Amino acid sequence: MTSNQFNNMLTNMARCWSDRDYESVASHFSENVFYSDPLNYTIRDRESLLSFFRDDDGKPQSCEFHGYVFDQGRQAGTAEYTYEGTFRYHGTVWIDLREDKIVSWREYQHRSDKDRAAFWNY
């Protein structure tokens, strides 16, 4: 995957999360993915991940990636995001890829009612 393809993947995932098209989001992950927020959950397969995404309390969803860095040689990237559904989260994610699929997604996030500018005190 190239840096441009990584950006396109994140853009597609954000749009699909916002549209609640969780099947499309899950299609970016490998069958045996490691998806984790170390203090709250760890998911180790795509089917369980899809169930996790679908458990959205019936609320509107939105996702925005604010920037990213991608190392094409290592097939690893990181991005800052804001996700809103049941709660609003501001965080970063560390992503490892293999054969253009996400094999590891490690997110570190904070729950806040503030928008991004207020959260970061811009």
N, C-alpha and C. Protein backbone atom coordinates (compact mmCIF):
# COMPACT_ATOMS: atom_id res chain seq x y z
N MET A 1 0.84 -1.17 0.00
CA MET A 1 0.00 0.00 0.00
C MET A 1 0.89 1.24 0.00
N THR A 2 0.50 2.24 -0.76
CA THR A 2 1.21 3.51 -0.79
C THR A 2 0.59 4.47 0.23
N SER A 3 1.25 5.58 0.44
CA SER A 3 0.72 6.59 1.35
C SER A 3 -0.62 7.11 0.85
N ASN A 4 -0.74 7.35 -0.45
CA ASN A 4 -1.99 7.82 -1.02
C ASN A 4 -3.11 6.78 -0.83
N GLN A 5 -2.79 5.50 -1.02
CA GLN A 5 -3.78 4.45 -0.81
C GLN A 5 -4.20 4.36 0.66
N PHE A 6 -3.25 4.57 1.57
CA PHE A 6 -3.55 4.59 3.00
C PHE A 6 -4.53 5.72 3.30
N ASN A 7 -4.26 6.91 2.77
CA ASN A 7 -5.16 8.04 2.95
C ASN A 7 -6.55 7.72 2.39
N ASN A 8 -6.60 7.12 1.21
CA ASN A 8 -7.89 6.76 0.60
C ASN A 8 -8.64 5.74 1.46
N MET A 9 -7.91 4.80 2.05
CA MET A 9 -8.54 3.82 2.92
C MET A 9 -9.16 4.51 4.14
N LEU A 10 -8.41 5.41 4.78
CA LEU A 10 -8.94 6.12 5.94
C LEU A 10 -10.16 6.96 5.56
N THR A 11 -10.10 7.62 4.42
CA THR A 11 -11.22 8.43 3.95
C THR A 11 -12.45 7.57 3.73
N ASN A 12 -12.25 6.41 3.10
CA ASN A 12 -13.36 5.49 2.87
C ASN A 12 -13.93 4.97 4.18
N MET A 13 -13.06 4.61 5.11
CA MET A 13 -13.52 4.09 6.40
C MET A 13 -14.32 5.15 7.15
N ALA A 14 -13.85 6.39 7.15
CA ALA A 14 -14.57 7.48 7.85
C ALA A 14 -15.95 7.66 7.24
N ARG A 15 -16.03 7.67 5.92
CA ARG A 15 -17.33 7.83 5.26
C ARG A 15 -18.26 6.66 5.60
N CYS A 16 -17.73 5.45 5.55
CA CYS A 16 -18.56 4.27 5.83
C CYS A 16 -18.99 4.21 7.29
N TRP A 17 -18.10 4.58 8.23
CA TRP A 17 -18.52 4.64 9.63
C TRP A 17 -19.65 5.65 9.78
N SER A 18 -19.49 6.82 9.16
CA SER A 18 -20.50 7.87 9.26
C SER A 18 -21.83 7.43 8.63
N ASP A 19 -21.76 6.59 7.61
CA ASP A 19 -22.96 6.05 6.95
C ASP A 19 -23.49 4.79 7.63
N ARG A 20 -22.81 4.35 8.67
CA ARG A 20 -23.15 3.11 9.39
C ARG A 20 -23.08 1.90 8.46
N ASP A 21 -22.19 1.95 7.49
CA ASP A 21 -21.92 0.83 6.57
C ASP A 21 -20.76 0.02 7.16
N TYR A 22 -21.07 -0.68 8.23
CA TYR A 22 -20.04 -1.37 8.99
C TYR A 22 -19.41 -2.53 8.23
N GLU A 23 -20.14 -3.14 7.33
CA GLU A 23 -19.58 -4.23 6.53
C GLU A 23 -18.42 -3.71 5.68
N SER A 24 -18.59 -2.52 5.10
CA SER A 24 -17.51 -1.94 4.30
C SER A 24 -16.31 -1.59 5.17
N VAL A 25 -16.57 -1.05 6.35
CA VAL A 25 -15.46 -0.75 7.26
C VAL A 25 -14.71 -2.05 7.60
N ALA A 26 -15.45 -3.07 7.98
CA ALA A 26 -14.83 -4.34 8.38
C ALA A 26 -14.06 -4.98 7.24
N SER A 27 -14.43 -4.71 6.00
CA SER A 27 -13.73 -5.33 4.86
C SER A 27 -12.28 -4.87 4.76
N HIS A 28 -11.90 -3.80 5.42
CA HIS A 28 -10.52 -3.32 5.41
C HIS A 28 -9.63 -4.10 6.39
N PHE A 29 -10.23 -4.94 7.23
CA PHE A 29 -9.48 -5.66 8.25
C PHE A 29 -9.26 -7.11 7.85
N SER A 30 -8.15 -7.68 8.29
CA SER A 30 -7.89 -9.10 8.04
C SER A 30 -8.82 -9.96 8.89
N GLU A 31 -8.94 -11.21 8.52
CA GLU A 31 -9.79 -12.15 9.27
C GLU A 31 -9.33 -12.26 10.73
N ASN A 32 -8.03 -12.27 10.95
CA ASN A 32 -7.47 -12.44 12.29
C ASN A 32 -6.84 -11.14 12.78
N VAL A 33 -7.66 -10.11 12.85
CA VAL A 33 -7.19 -8.79 13.23
C VAL A 33 -6.98 -8.70 14.75
N PHE A 34 -6.10 -7.81 15.14
CA PHE A 34 -5.95 -7.41 16.53
C PHE A 34 -6.44 -5.97 16.60
N TYR A 35 -7.57 -5.73 17.26
CA TYR A 35 -8.20 -4.41 17.35
C TYR A 35 -8.37 -4.12 18.83
N SER A 36 -7.73 -3.03 19.31
CA SER A 36 -7.71 -2.86 20.75
C SER A 36 -7.64 -1.40 21.18
N ASP A 37 -8.35 -1.10 22.25
CA ASP A 37 -8.12 0.03 23.12
C ASP A 37 -7.68 -0.64 24.42
N PRO A 38 -6.43 -0.53 24.80
CA PRO A 38 -5.89 -1.39 25.85
C PRO A 38 -6.62 -1.35 27.20
N LEU A 39 -7.36 -0.29 27.46
CA LEU A 39 -8.06 -0.19 28.73
C LEU A 39 -9.51 -0.64 28.65
N ASN A 40 -10.02 -0.85 27.42
CA ASN A 40 -11.45 -1.10 27.30
C ASN A 40 -11.84 -2.37 26.55
N TYR A 41 -11.11 -2.76 25.52
CA TYR A 41 -11.51 -3.94 24.74
C TYR A 41 -10.37 -4.42 23.85
N THR A 42 -10.42 -5.68 23.53
CA THR A 42 -9.53 -6.30 22.55
C THR A 42 -10.37 -7.28 21.74
N ILE A 43 -10.29 -7.14 20.44
CA ILE A 43 -11.04 -7.99 19.52
C ILE A 43 -10.03 -8.66 18.60
N ARG A 44 -10.23 -9.96 18.34
CA ARG A 44 -9.21 -10.71 17.60
C ARG A 44 -9.69 -11.36 16.30
N ASP A 45 -10.90 -11.04 15.85
CA ASP A 45 -11.34 -11.57 14.56
C ASP A 45 -12.34 -10.61 13.93
N ARG A 46 -12.42 -10.65 12.61
CA ARG A 46 -13.23 -9.69 11.87
C ARG A 46 -14.72 -9.82 12.17
N GLU A 47 -15.23 -11.03 12.35
CA GLU A 47 -16.66 -11.21 12.63
C GLU A 47 -17.04 -10.56 13.97
N SER A 48 -16.21 -10.74 14.98
CA SER A 48 -16.46 -10.08 16.28
C SER A 48 -16.33 -8.57 16.15
N LEU A 49 -15.41 -8.13 15.32
CA LEU A 49 -15.23 -6.70 15.09
C LEU A 49 -16.49 -6.10 14.44
N LEU A 50 -17.03 -6.80 13.48
CA LEU A 50 -18.26 -6.34 12.83
C LEU A 50 -19.40 -6.24 13.84
N SER A 51 -19.52 -7.20 14.73
CA SER A 51 -20.53 -7.13 15.79
C SER A 51 -20.30 -5.93 16.70
N PHE A 52 -19.05 -5.67 17.01
CA PHE A 52 -18.68 -4.51 17.84
C PHE A 52 -19.11 -3.21 17.15
N PHE A 53 -18.86 -3.10 15.85
CA PHE A 53 -19.26 -1.90 15.11
C PHE A 53 -20.78 -1.74 15.10
N ARG A 54 -21.48 -2.84 14.89
CA ARG A 54 -22.94 -2.79 14.79
C ARG A 54 -23.62 -2.40 16.10
N ASP A 55 -22.95 -2.60 17.22
CA ASP A 55 -23.51 -2.29 18.54
C ASP A 55 -23.38 -0.78 18.78
N ASP A 56 -24.16 0.02 18.02
CA ASP A 56 -24.00 1.47 18.01
C ASP A 56 -25.12 2.21 18.73
N ASP A 57 -25.92 1.49 19.52
CA ASP A 57 -27.03 2.09 20.28
C ASP A 57 -28.03 2.81 19.37
N GLY A 58 -28.00 2.53 18.07
CA GLY A 58 -28.94 3.14 17.14
C GLY A 58 -28.72 4.63 16.93
N LYS A 59 -27.57 5.12 17.35
CA LYS A 59 -27.29 6.56 17.26
C LYS A 59 -26.54 6.89 15.98
N PRO A 60 -26.71 8.11 15.49
CA PRO A 60 -25.92 8.55 14.33
C PRO A 60 -24.43 8.45 14.66
N GLN A 61 -23.63 8.19 13.66
CA GLN A 61 -22.19 8.03 13.83
C GLN A 61 -21.48 9.05 12.95
N SER A 62 -20.32 9.49 13.38
CA SER A 62 -19.47 10.31 12.51
C SER A 62 -18.02 10.00 12.85
N CYS A 63 -17.20 10.04 11.82
CA CYS A 63 -15.78 9.79 11.98
C CYS A 63 -15.03 10.75 11.08
N GLU A 64 -13.98 11.34 11.64
CA GLU A 64 -13.11 12.21 10.86
C GLU A 64 -11.67 11.94 11.25
N PHE A 65 -10.84 11.67 10.24
CA PHE A 65 -9.40 11.57 10.45
C PHE A 65 -8.80 12.94 10.14
N HIS A 66 -8.00 13.45 11.07
CA HIS A 66 -7.49 14.81 10.95
C HIS A 66 -6.11 14.87 10.31
N GLY A 67 -5.46 13.78 10.18
CA GLY A 67 -4.13 13.72 9.58
C GLY A 67 -3.57 12.34 9.78
N TYR A 68 -2.56 12.03 9.03
CA TYR A 68 -1.96 10.70 9.13
C TYR A 68 -0.49 10.76 8.76
N VAL A 69 0.24 9.74 9.16
CA VAL A 69 1.62 9.50 8.75
C VAL A 69 1.68 8.04 8.36
N PHE A 70 2.32 7.74 7.22
CA PHE A 70 2.39 6.36 6.75
C PHE A 70 3.81 6.02 6.34
N ASP A 71 4.32 4.90 6.83
CA ASP A 71 5.63 4.37 6.46
C ASP A 71 5.40 3.23 5.48
N GLN A 72 5.63 3.50 4.20
CA GLN A 72 5.33 2.50 3.18
C GLN A 72 6.20 1.26 3.32
N GLY A 73 7.44 1.42 3.68
CA GLY A 73 8.33 0.28 3.84
C GLY A 73 7.88 -0.67 4.94
N ARG A 74 7.44 -0.14 6.04
CA ARG A 74 6.98 -0.96 7.17
C ARG A 74 5.51 -1.33 7.06
N GLN A 75 4.78 -0.69 6.13
CA GLN A 75 3.33 -0.86 6.01
C GLN A 75 2.66 -0.59 7.36
N ALA A 76 3.02 0.58 7.92
CA ALA A 76 2.50 0.99 9.23
C ALA A 76 2.17 2.48 9.18
N GLY A 77 1.08 2.84 9.84
CA GLY A 77 0.69 4.23 9.85
C GLY A 77 0.01 4.61 11.14
N THR A 78 -0.16 5.90 11.31
CA THR A 78 -0.87 6.42 12.46
C THR A 78 -1.74 7.58 11.99
N ALA A 79 -2.83 7.81 12.71
CA ALA A 79 -3.73 8.90 12.36
C ALA A 79 -4.40 9.43 13.62
N GLU A 80 -4.71 10.72 13.57
CA GLU A 80 -5.51 11.34 14.63
C GLU A 80 -6.96 11.34 14.16
N TYR A 81 -7.89 11.15 15.08
CA TYR A 81 -9.30 11.10 14.68
C TYR A 81 -10.22 11.68 15.75
N THR A 82 -11.43 11.98 15.31
CA THR A 82 -12.56 12.26 16.20
C THR A 82 -13.68 11.33 15.75
N TYR A 83 -14.23 10.59 16.69
CA TYR A 83 -15.33 9.68 16.39
C TYR A 83 -16.48 10.01 17.33
N GLU A 84 -17.66 10.09 16.76
CA GLU A 84 -18.83 10.37 17.58
C GLU A 84 -19.93 9.37 17.26
N GLY A 85 -20.46 8.78 18.32
CA GLY A 85 -21.57 7.85 18.23
C GLY A 85 -22.28 7.90 19.57
N THR A 86 -22.18 6.82 20.33
CA THR A 86 -22.72 6.84 21.69
C THR A 86 -22.03 7.93 22.51
N PHE A 87 -20.73 8.09 22.28
CA PHE A 87 -19.92 9.13 22.93
C PHE A 87 -19.04 9.77 21.86
N ARG A 88 -18.42 10.89 22.19
CA ARG A 88 -17.42 11.52 21.32
C ARG A 88 -16.04 11.16 21.85
N TYR A 89 -15.18 10.74 20.93
CA TYR A 89 -13.80 10.37 21.27
C TYR A 89 -12.84 11.16 20.40
N HIS A 90 -11.74 11.58 21.01
CA HIS A 90 -10.61 12.16 20.29
C HIS A 90 -9.43 11.23 20.56
N GLY A 91 -8.73 10.83 19.51
CA GLY A 91 -7.65 9.89 19.75
C GLY A 91 -6.71 9.72 18.59
N THR A 92 -5.83 8.75 18.75
CA THR A 92 -4.92 8.33 17.69
C THR A 92 -5.03 6.83 17.53
N VAL A 93 -4.70 6.39 16.35
CA VAL A 93 -4.69 4.97 16.06
C VAL A 93 -3.37 4.62 15.39
N TRP A 94 -2.84 3.47 15.74
CA TRP A 94 -1.62 2.91 15.13
C TRP A 94 -2.05 1.68 14.35
N ILE A 95 -1.72 1.65 13.08
CA ILE A 95 -2.23 0.64 12.15
C ILE A 95 -1.08 -0.09 11.48
N ASP A 96 -1.14 -1.42 11.49
CA ASP A 96 -0.20 -2.27 10.75
C ASP A 96 -0.98 -3.00 9.68
N LEU A 97 -0.39 -3.08 8.48
CA LEU A 97 -1.05 -3.71 7.34
C LEU A 97 -0.23 -4.89 6.82
N ARG A 98 -0.94 -5.82 6.24
CA ARG A 98 -0.33 -6.93 5.53
C ARG A 98 -1.24 -7.25 4.35
N GLU A 99 -0.67 -7.25 3.15
CA GLU A 99 -1.43 -7.51 1.93
C GLU A 99 -2.66 -6.60 1.84
N ASP A 100 -2.44 -5.33 2.14
CA ASP A 100 -3.46 -4.27 2.05
C ASP A 100 -4.64 -4.44 2.99
N LYS A 101 -4.49 -5.26 4.01
CA LYS A 101 -5.52 -5.43 5.05
C LYS A 101 -4.93 -5.03 6.39
N ILE A 102 -5.78 -4.47 7.24
CA ILE A 102 -5.34 -4.08 8.58
C ILE A 102 -5.23 -5.33 9.45
N VAL A 103 -4.03 -5.57 9.97
CA VAL A 103 -3.82 -6.73 10.86
C VAL A 103 -3.75 -6.30 12.32
N SER A 104 -3.45 -5.02 12.54
CA SER A 104 -3.38 -4.51 13.91
C SER A 104 -3.88 -3.07 13.93
N TRP A 105 -4.81 -2.80 14.84
CA TRP A 105 -5.39 -1.46 15.03
C TRP A 105 -5.35 -1.19 16.53
N ARG A 106 -4.46 -0.30 16.96
CA ARG A 106 -4.31 0.02 18.38
C ARG A 106 -4.71 1.48 18.57
N GLU A 107 -5.84 1.69 19.23
CA GLU A 107 -6.32 3.05 19.40
C GLU A 107 -6.17 3.50 20.85
N TYR A 108 -5.86 4.78 20.99
CA TYR A 108 -5.69 5.41 22.28
C TYR A 108 -6.57 6.66 22.22
N GLN A 109 -7.60 6.70 23.03
CA GLN A 109 -8.59 7.75 22.88
C GLN A 109 -9.09 8.26 24.22
N HIS A 110 -9.67 9.45 24.16
CA HIS A 110 -10.27 10.08 25.33
C HIS A 110 -11.70 10.46 24.99
N ARG A 111 -12.59 10.22 25.91
CA ARG A 111 -13.99 10.60 25.73
C ARG A 111 -14.16 12.04 26.21
N SER A 112 -14.84 12.85 25.39
CA SER A 112 -15.05 14.25 25.74
C SER A 112 -16.26 14.79 24.99
N ASP A 113 -16.99 15.68 25.63
CA ASP A 113 -18.10 16.37 24.97
C ASP A 113 -17.61 17.54 24.13
N LYS A 114 -16.36 17.93 24.30
CA LYS A 114 -15.82 19.08 23.57
C LYS A 114 -15.56 18.73 22.11
N ASP A 115 -15.64 19.76 21.24
CA ASP A 115 -15.23 19.56 19.86
C ASP A 115 -13.70 19.52 19.83
N ARG A 116 -13.14 19.22 18.67
CA ARG A 116 -11.69 19.04 18.58
C ARG A 116 -10.92 20.30 19.01
N ALA A 117 -11.32 21.46 18.53
CA ALA A 117 -10.61 22.69 18.86
C ALA A 117 -10.62 22.95 20.37
N ALA A 118 -11.77 22.77 20.99
CA ALA A 118 -11.86 22.99 22.44
C ALA A 118 -11.09 21.92 23.20
N PHE A 119 -11.16 20.68 22.71
CA PHE A 119 -10.44 19.57 23.37
C PHE A 119 -8.94 19.86 23.42
N TRP A 120 -8.40 20.31 22.30
CA TRP A 120 -6.96 20.58 22.21
C TRP A 120 -6.63 22.02 22.60
N ASN A 121 -7.66 22.80 22.96
CA ASN A 121 -7.46 24.18 23.38
C ASN A 121 -6.75 24.99 22.29
N TYR A 122 -7.21 24.83 21.05
CA TYR A 122 -6.64 25.59 19.91
C TYR A 122 -6.99 27.04 20.01
